[in-house]
Amino acid sequence: RDSSKNTVYLEMTSLKPEDTGVYFCAA
């Protein structure tokens, strides 16, 4: 996260076809 931007990140590497989908964040 970057608190100064009030933003959370998800860095995804070595992606696979099974990672396909709609990604959501929640609190």
PDB file of all heavy atoms in Angstrom:
ATOM      1  N   ARG A   1       0.836  -1.198   0.000  1.00  0.00           N
ATOM      2  CA  ARG A   1       0.000   0.000   0.000  1.00  0.00           C
ATOM      3  C   ARG A   1       0.869   1.245   0.000  1.00  0.00           C
ATOM      4  O   ARG A   1       2.036   1.227   0.399  1.00  0.00           O
ATOM      5  CB  ARG A   1      -0.934   0.007   1.213  1.00  0.00           C
ATOM      6  CG  ARG A   1      -0.270   0.377   2.536  1.00  0.00           C
ATOM      7  CD  ARG A   1      -1.275   0.295   3.672  1.00  0.00           C
ATOM      8  NE  ARG A   1      -0.758   0.916   4.890  1.00  0.00           N
ATOM      9  CZ  ARG A   1      -1.368   0.840   6.065  1.00  0.00           C
ATOM     10  NH1 ARG A   1      -2.519   0.157   6.176  1.00  0.00           N
ATOM     11  NH2 ARG A   1      -0.862   1.432   7.119  1.00  0.00           N
ATOM     12  N   ASP A   2       0.259   2.323  -0.449  1.00  0.00           N
ATOM     13  CA  ASP A   2       0.844   3.663  -0.374  1.00  0.00           C
ATOM     14  C   ASP A   2      -0.135   4.497   0.433  1.00  0.00           C
ATOM     15  O   ASP A   2      -1.177   4.911  -0.090  1.00  0.00           O
ATOM     16  CB  ASP A   2       1.049   4.224  -1.776  1.00  0.00           C
ATOM     17  CG  ASP A   2       1.759   5.566  -1.775  1.00  0.00           C
ATOM     18  OD1 ASP A   2       1.709   6.280  -0.754  1.00  0.00           O
ATOM     19  OD2 ASP A   2       2.359   5.916  -2.810  1.00  0.00           O
ATOM     20  N   SER A   3       0.184   4.724   1.685  1.00  0.00           N
ATOM     21  CA  SER A   3      -0.738   5.450   2.563  1.00  0.00           C
ATOM     22  C   SER A   3      -0.945   6.885   2.102  1.00  0.00           C
ATOM     23  O   SER A   3      -2.020   7.452   2.312  1.00  0.00           O
ATOM     24  CB  SER A   3      -0.218   5.419   3.997  1.00  0.00           C
ATOM     25  OG  SER A   3      -0.191   4.098   4.497  1.00  0.00           O
ATOM     26  N   SER A   4       0.061   7.467   1.476  1.00  0.00           N
ATOM     27  CA  SER A   4      -0.076   8.857   1.012  1.00  0.00           C
ATOM     28  C   SER A   4      -1.109   8.963  -0.100  1.00  0.00           C
ATOM     29  O   SER A   4      -1.709  10.022  -0.304  1.00  0.00           O
ATOM     30  CB  SER A   4       1.268   9.396   0.535  1.00  0.00           C
ATOM     31  OG  SER A   4       1.697   8.742  -0.643  1.00  0.00           O
ATOM     32  N   LYS A   5      -1.327   7.858  -0.805  1.00  0.00           N
ATOM     33  CA  LYS A   5      -2.327   7.830  -1.873  1.00  0.00           C
ATOM     34  C   LYS A   5      -3.587   7.078  -1.459  1.00  0.00           C
ATOM     35  O   LYS A   5      -4.510   6.940  -2.264  1.00  0.00           O
ATOM     36  CB  LYS A   5      -1.725   7.177  -3.120  1.00  0.00           C
ATOM     37  CG  LYS A   5      -0.560   7.945  -3.715  1.00  0.00           C
ATOM     38  CD  LYS A   5      -0.024   7.272  -4.965  1.00  0.00           C
ATOM     39  CE  LYS A   5       1.136   8.066  -5.555  1.00  0.00           C
ATOM     40  NZ  LYS A   5       1.684   7.408  -6.778  1.00  0.00           N
ATOM     41  N   ASN A   6      -3.580   6.556  -0.235  1.00  0.00           N
ATOM     42  CA  ASN A   6      -4.724   5.766   0.258  1.00  0.00           C
ATOM     43  C   ASN A   6      -5.084   4.653  -0.727  1.00  0.00           C
ATOM     44  O   ASN A   6      -6.265   4.411  -1.023  1.00  0.00           O
ATOM     45  CB  ASN A   6      -5.941   6.668   0.511  1.00  0.00           C
ATOM     46  CG  ASN A   6      -6.567   6.395   1.864  1.00  0.00           C
ATOM     47  OD1 ASN A   6      -5.883   6.067   2.827  1.00  0.00           O
ATOM     48  ND2 ASN A   6      -7.883   6.527   1.936  1.00  0.00           N
ATOM     49  N   THR A   7      -4.068   3.989  -1.216  1.00  0.00           N
ATOM     50  CA  THR A   7      -4.240   2.986  -2.265  1.00  0.00           C
ATOM     51  C   THR A   7      -3.502   1.697  -1.882  1.00  0.00           C
ATOM     52  O   THR A   7      -2.386   1.750  -1.360  1.00  0.00           O
ATOM     53  CB  THR A   7      -3.712   3.510  -3.605  1.00  0.00           C
ATOM     54  OG1 THR A   7      -4.476   4.666  -3.978  1.00  0.00           O
ATOM     55  CG2 THR A   7      -3.847   2.459  -4.702  1.00  0.00           C
ATOM     56  N   VAL A   8      -4.157   0.589  -2.151  1.00  0.00           N
ATOM     57  CA  VAL A   8      -3.564  -0.732  -1.947  1.00  0.00           C
ATOM     58  C   VAL A   8      -3.325  -1.352  -3.320  1.00  0.00           C
ATOM     59  O   VAL A   8      -4.159  -1.213  -4.220  1.00  0.00           O
ATOM     60  CB  VAL A   8      -4.488  -1.620  -1.103  1.00  0.00           C
ATOM     61  CG1 VAL A   8      -3.919  -3.031  -0.970  1.00  0.00           C
ATOM     62  CG2 VAL A   8      -4.685  -1.004   0.278  1.00  0.00           C
ATOM     63  N   TYR A   9      -2.199  -2.026  -3.452  1.00  0.00           N
ATOM     64  CA  TYR A   9      -1.818  -2.616  -4.725  1.00  0.00           C
ATOM     65  C   TYR A   9      -1.746  -4.140  -4.623  1.00  0.00           C
ATOM     66  O   TYR A   9      -1.497  -4.692  -3.551  1.00  0.00           O
ATOM     67  CB  TYR A   9      -0.453  -2.086  -5.164  1.00  0.00           C
ATOM     68  CG  TYR A   9      -0.399  -0.585  -5.282  1.00  0.00           C
ATOM     69  CD1 TYR A   9       0.144   0.192  -4.276  1.00  0.00           C
ATOM     70  CD2 TYR A   9      -0.917   0.054  -6.412  1.00  0.00           C
ATOM     71  CE1 TYR A   9       0.190   1.578  -4.381  1.00  0.00           C
ATOM     72  CE2 TYR A   9      -0.872   1.433  -6.519  1.00  0.00           C
ATOM     73  CZ  TYR A   9      -0.320   2.188  -5.494  1.00  0.00           C
ATOM     74  OH  TYR A   9      -0.296   3.560  -5.604  1.00  0.00           O
ATOM     75  N   LEU A  10      -1.926  -4.774  -5.758  1.00  0.00           N
ATOM     76  CA  LEU A  10      -1.673  -6.207  -5.878  1.00  0.00           C
ATOM     77  C   LEU A  10      -0.777  -6.398  -7.095  1.00  0.00           C
ATOM     78  O   LEU A  10      -1.230  -6.256  -8.221  1.00  0.00           O
ATOM     79  CB  LEU A  10      -2.958  -7.012  -6.022  1.00  0.00           C
ATOM     80  CG  LEU A  10      -2.771  -8.532  -5.977  1.00  0.00           C
ATOM     81  CD1 LEU A  10      -2.335  -8.970  -4.586  1.00  0.00           C
ATOM     82  CD2 LEU A  10      -4.051  -9.255  -6.396  1.00  0.00           C
ATOM     83  N   GLU A  11       0.493  -6.659  -6.820  1.00  0.00           N
ATOM     84  CA  GLU A  11       1.457  -6.901  -7.883  1.00  0.00           C
ATOM     85  C   GLU A  11       1.423  -8.385  -8.217  1.00  0.00           C
ATOM     86  O   GLU A  11       1.684  -9.236  -7.354  1.00  0.00           O
ATOM     87  CB  GLU A  11       2.860  -6.499  -7.404  1.00  0.00           C
ATOM     88  CG  GLU A  11       3.898  -6.470  -8.500  1.00  0.00           C
ATOM     89  CD  GLU A  11       3.895  -5.153  -9.265  1.00  0.00           C
ATOM     90  OE1 GLU A  11       3.649  -4.104  -8.665  1.00  0.00           O
ATOM     91  OE2 GLU A  11       4.128  -5.198 -10.485  1.00  0.00           O
ATOM     92  N   MET A  12       1.107  -8.675  -9.473  1.00  0.00           N
ATOM     93  CA  MET A  12       0.940 -10.068  -9.894  1.00  0.00           C
ATOM     94  C   MET A  12       2.006 -10.405 -10.927  1.00  0.00           C
ATOM     95  O   MET A  12       2.104  -9.720 -11.958  1.00  0.00           O
ATOM     96  CB  MET A  12      -0.450 -10.288 -10.477  1.00  0.00           C
ATOM     97  CG  MET A  12      -1.573  -9.826  -9.551  1.00  0.00           C
ATOM     98  SD  MET A  12      -3.210 -10.238 -10.169  1.00  0.00           S
ATOM     99  CE  MET A  12      -3.263  -9.244 -11.652  1.00  0.00           C
ATOM    100  N   THR A  13       2.789 -11.421 -10.668  1.00  0.00           N
ATOM    101  CA  THR A  13       3.835 -11.853 -11.588  1.00  0.00           C
ATOM    102  C   THR A  13       3.648 -13.329 -11.927  1.00  0.00           C
ATOM    103  O   THR A  13       2.863 -14.026 -11.284  1.00  0.00           O
ATOM    104  CB  THR A  13       5.226 -11.625 -10.976  1.00  0.00           C
ATOM    105  OG1 THR A  13       5.351 -12.423  -9.786  1.00  0.00           O
ATOM    106  CG2 THR A  13       5.434 -10.168 -10.617  1.00  0.00           C
ATOM    107  N   SER A  14       4.373 -13.783 -12.938  1.00  0.00           N
ATOM    108  CA  SER A  14       4.280 -15.180 -13.376  1.00  0.00           C
ATOM    109  C   SER A  14       2.832 -15.623 -13.517  1.00  0.00           C
ATOM    110  O   SER A  14       2.439 -16.699 -13.050  1.00  0.00           O
ATOM    111  CB  SER A  14       5.019 -16.097 -12.377  1.00  0.00           C
ATOM    112  OG  SER A  14       6.368 -15.712 -12.261  1.00  0.00           O
ATOM    113  N   LEU A  15       2.051 -14.797 -14.173  1.00  0.00           N
ATOM    114  CA  LEU A  15       0.615 -15.053 -14.281  1.00  0.00           C
ATOM    115  C   LEU A  15       0.328 -16.311 -15.087  1.00  0.00           C
ATOM    116  O   LEU A  15       1.039 -16.634 -16.053  1.00  0.00           O
ATOM    117  CB  LEU A  15      -0.086 -13.850 -14.887  1.00  0.00           C
ATOM    118  CG  LEU A  15      -0.285 -12.689 -13.909  1.00  0.00           C
ATOM    119  CD1 LEU A  15      -0.585 -11.392 -14.642  1.00  0.00           C
ATOM    120  CD2 LEU A  15      -1.407 -13.007 -12.926  1.00  0.00           C
ATOM    121  N   LYS A  16      -0.730 -16.997 -14.666  1.00  0.00           N
ATOM    122  CA  LYS A  16      -1.157 -18.235 -15.297  1.00  0.00           C
ATOM    123  C   LYS A  16      -2.583 -18.067 -15.811  1.00  0.00           C
ATOM    124  O   LYS A  16      -3.336 -17.237 -15.289  1.00  0.00           O
ATOM    125  CB  LYS A  16      -1.126 -19.366 -14.263  1.00  0.00           C
ATOM    126  CG  LYS A  16       0.207 -19.545 -13.571  1.00  0.00           C
ATOM    127  CD  LYS A  16       0.109 -20.613 -12.478  1.00  0.00           C
ATOM    128  CE  LYS A  16       1.436 -20.795 -11.748  1.00  0.00           C
ATOM    129  NZ  LYS A  16       1.331 -21.835 -10.684  1.00  0.00           N
ATOM    130  N   PRO A  17      -2.982 -18.874 -16.768  1.00  0.00           N
ATOM    131  CA  PRO A  17      -4.375 -18.782 -17.251  1.00  0.00           C
ATOM    132  C   PRO A  17      -5.400 -18.941 -16.123  1.00  0.00           C
ATOM    133  O   PRO A  17      -6.465 -18.308 -16.166  1.00  0.00           O
ATOM    134  CB  PRO A  17      -4.455 -19.929 -18.259  1.00  0.00           C
ATOM    135  CG  PRO A  17      -3.065 -20.055 -18.781  1.00  0.00           C
ATOM    136  CD  PRO A  17      -2.176 -19.789 -17.593  1.00  0.00           C
ATOM    137  N   GLU A  18      -5.089 -19.723 -15.124  1.00  0.00           N
ATOM    138  CA  GLU A  18      -6.025 -19.916 -14.014  1.00  0.00           C
ATOM    139  C   GLU A  18      -6.127 -18.699 -13.097  1.00  0.00           C
ATOM    140  O   GLU A  18      -6.954 -18.670 -12.187  1.00  0.00           O
ATOM    141  CB  GLU A  18      -5.658 -21.157 -13.187  1.00  0.00           C
ATOM    142  CG  GLU A  18      -4.216 -21.212 -12.734  1.00  0.00           C
ATOM    143  CD  GLU A  18      -3.354 -22.049 -13.666  1.00  0.00           C
ATOM    144  OE1 GLU A  18      -3.507 -21.939 -14.912  1.00  0.00           O
ATOM    145  OE2 GLU A  18      -2.508 -22.810 -13.147  1.00  0.00           O
ATOM    146  N   ASP A  19      -5.318 -17.689 -13.333  1.00  0.00           N
ATOM    147  CA  ASP A  19      -5.452 -16.424 -12.591  1.00  0.00           C
ATOM    148  C   ASP A  19      -6.515 -15.515 -13.212  1.00  0.00           C
ATOM    149  O   ASP A  19      -6.832 -14.457 -12.653  1.00  0.00           O
ATOM    150  CB  ASP A  19      -4.125 -15.673 -12.552  1.00  0.00           C
ATOM    151  CG  ASP A  19      -3.051 -16.398 -11.755  1.00  0.00           C
ATOM    152  OD1 ASP A  19      -3.377 -16.935 -10.687  1.00  0.00           O
ATOM    153  OD2 ASP A  19      -1.897 -16.429 -12.219  1.00  0.00           O
ATOM    154  N   THR A  20      -7.047 -15.929 -14.343  1.00  0.00           N
ATOM    155  CA  THR A  20      -8.072 -15.137 -15.019  1.00  0.00           C
ATOM    156  C   THR A  20      -9.311 -14.974 -14.156  1.00  0.00           C
ATOM    157  O   THR A  20      -9.758 -15.936 -13.521  1.00  0.00           O
ATOM    158  CB  THR A  20      -8.446 -15.801 -16.352  1.00  0.00           C
ATOM    159  OG1 THR A  20      -7.316 -15.736 -17.222  1.00  0.00           O
ATOM    160  CG2 THR A  20      -9.631 -15.108 -17.002  1.00  0.00           C
ATOM    161  N   GLY A  21      -9.854 -13.768 -14.150  1.00  0.00           N
ATOM    162  CA  GLY A  21     -11.069 -13.504 -13.404  1.00  0.00           C
ATOM    163  C   GLY A  21     -11.251 -12.021 -13.157  1.00  0.00           C
ATOM    164  O   GLY A  21     -10.415 -11.204 -13.557  1.00  0.00           O
ATOM    165  N   VAL A  22     -12.340 -11.701 -12.498  1.00  0.00           N
ATOM    166  CA  VAL A  22     -12.567 -10.326 -12.061  1.00  0.00           C
ATOM    167  C   VAL A  22     -11.992 -10.198 -10.655  1.00  0.00           C
ATOM    168  O   VAL A  22     -12.318 -10.994  -9.770  1.00  0.00           O
ATOM    169  CB  VAL A  22     -14.057  -9.966 -12.068  1.00  0.00           C
ATOM    170  CG1 VAL A  22     -14.242  -8.520 -11.602  1.00  0.00           C
ATOM    171  CG2 VAL A  22     -14.655 -10.164 -13.454  1.00  0.00           C
ATOM    172  N   TYR A  23     -11.149  -9.201 -10.471  1.00  0.00           N
ATOM    173  CA  TYR A  23     -10.483  -8.990  -9.193  1.00  0.00           C
ATOM    174  C   TYR A  23     -11.159  -7.833  -8.456  1.00  0.00           C
ATOM    175  O   TYR A  23     -11.401  -6.773  -9.035  1.00  0.00           O
ATOM    176  CB  TYR A  23      -9.009  -8.703  -9.402  1.00  0.00           C
ATOM    177  CG  TYR A  23      -8.213  -9.956  -9.686  1.00  0.00           C
ATOM    178  CD1 TYR A  23      -8.358 -10.634 -10.889  1.00  0.00           C
ATOM    179  CD2 TYR A  23      -7.323 -10.469  -8.749  1.00  0.00           C
ATOM    180  CE1 TYR A  23      -7.642 -11.802 -11.152  1.00  0.00           C
ATOM    181  CE2 TYR A  23      -6.604 -11.634  -8.997  1.00  0.00           C
ATOM    182  CZ  TYR A  23      -6.779 -12.290 -10.198  1.00  0.00           C
ATOM    183  OH  TYR A  23      -6.067 -13.443 -10.443  1.00  0.00           O
ATOM    184  N   PHE A  24     -11.439  -8.088  -7.194  1.00  0.00           N
ATOM    185  CA  PHE A  24     -12.111  -7.115  -6.340  1.00  0.00           C
ATOM    186  C   PHE A  24     -11.259  -6.823  -5.114  1.00  0.00           C
ATOM    187  O   PHE A  24     -10.513  -7.684  -4.649  1.00  0.00           O
ATOM    188  CB  PHE A  24     -13.446  -7.659  -5.829  1.00  0.00           C
ATOM    189  CG  PHE A  24     -14.420  -8.067  -6.893  1.00  0.00           C
ATOM    190  CD1 PHE A  24     -14.404  -9.343  -7.428  1.00  0.00           C
ATOM    191  CD2 PHE A  24     -15.397  -7.173  -7.330  1.00  0.00           C
ATOM    192  CE1 PHE A  24     -15.317  -9.732  -8.398  1.00  0.00           C
ATOM    193  CE2 PHE A  24     -16.316  -7.552  -8.291  1.00  0.00           C
ATOM    194  CZ  PHE A  24     -16.277  -8.824  -8.828  1.00  0.00           C
ATOM    195  N   CYS A  25     -11.411  -5.629  -4.577  1.00  0.00           N
ATOM    196  CA  CYS A  25     -10.870  -5.362  -3.254  1.00  0.00           C
ATOM    197  C   CYS A  25     -12.040  -5.066  -2.310  1.00  0.00           C
ATOM    198  O   CYS A  25     -13.127  -4.660  -2.750  1.00  0.00           O
ATOM    199  CB  CYS A  25      -9.861  -4.226  -3.266  1.00  0.00           C
ATOM    200  SG  CYS A  25     -10.453  -2.648  -3.865  1.00  0.00           S
ATOM    201  N   ALA A  26     -11.798  -5.281  -1.035  1.00  0.00           N
ATOM    202  CA  ALA A  26     -12.834  -5.067  -0.030  1.00  0.00           C
ATOM    203  C   ALA A  26     -12.168  -4.683   1.281  1.00  0.00           C
ATOM    204  O   ALA A  26     -10.977  -4.947   1.490  1.00  0.00           O
ATOM    205  CB  ALA A  26     -13.685  -6.314   0.142  1.00  0.00           C
ATOM    206  N   ALA A  27     -12.938  -4.072   2.173  1.00  0.00           N
ATOM    207  CA  ALA A  27     -12.412  -3.561   3.429  1.00  0.00           C
ATOM    208  C   ALA A  27     -13.112  -4.210   4.616  1.00  0.00           C
ATOM    209  O   ALA A  27     -14.319  -4.483   4.559  1.00  0.00           O
ATOM    210  CB  ALA A  27     -12.590  -2.046   3.483  1.00  0.00           C
TER     211      ALA A  27
END
